[in-house]
Amino acid sequence: MLSTRSLTIGVAIASAVIATVAWATPASLFVTTPLVRSTAAVRIEFKTHPHTMNDVQIQSVVGQPGGVSGWHSHPGYGIVAVRAGTATVYDADDPTCTPHPVNAGEVFTEEPGHAHFVRNEGSVPYEAFATFILPVGVPSRTDEASSGNCPF
């Protein structure tokens, strides 16, 4: 048998839940469509200057089989969610030119100023969505010279 105290606590919790649901507001003429959701294999952490404005740019990336990005860097942080295919990333500061494949459903990050190269070494198009946190008005990409550590 329930005690008066247990019943009172139960009624209080139920009332709080009902009140919370009643305060929720439904969407109206507003639709959200997830474009891609990927899991990062590493912790994503970044800081921008606290008193500086930033631009946020989201872009679609498609690389056909055999396609290459060319050596480049970004002036701000990038988070790339791979939607389809595989992106193979090469880092300019890796003397062994080790490929880092990133498959559909995975994420890779790009540090500001870090030169890299992405190639589609698969047989299907590579598709991704890249989000960049950039200094205001600055282009999202900087072309870089070949690092000389990779044969391409």
Foldseek 3Di string as FASTA:
>chain_A
DDDPVRVVVVVVVVVVVVVVVVPDDDDDPDDDDDPAAADEPDDDDDDDPPPAAWDKDKDKDKAAAFGKDAKKAFQFKKKKAKAAAWKWKFWLPDLQRDTDIAHHRYMDMGHGPTIMMIGRNDHGMIIIMMMTTGGPPDDGMDHDDRSPSDPD
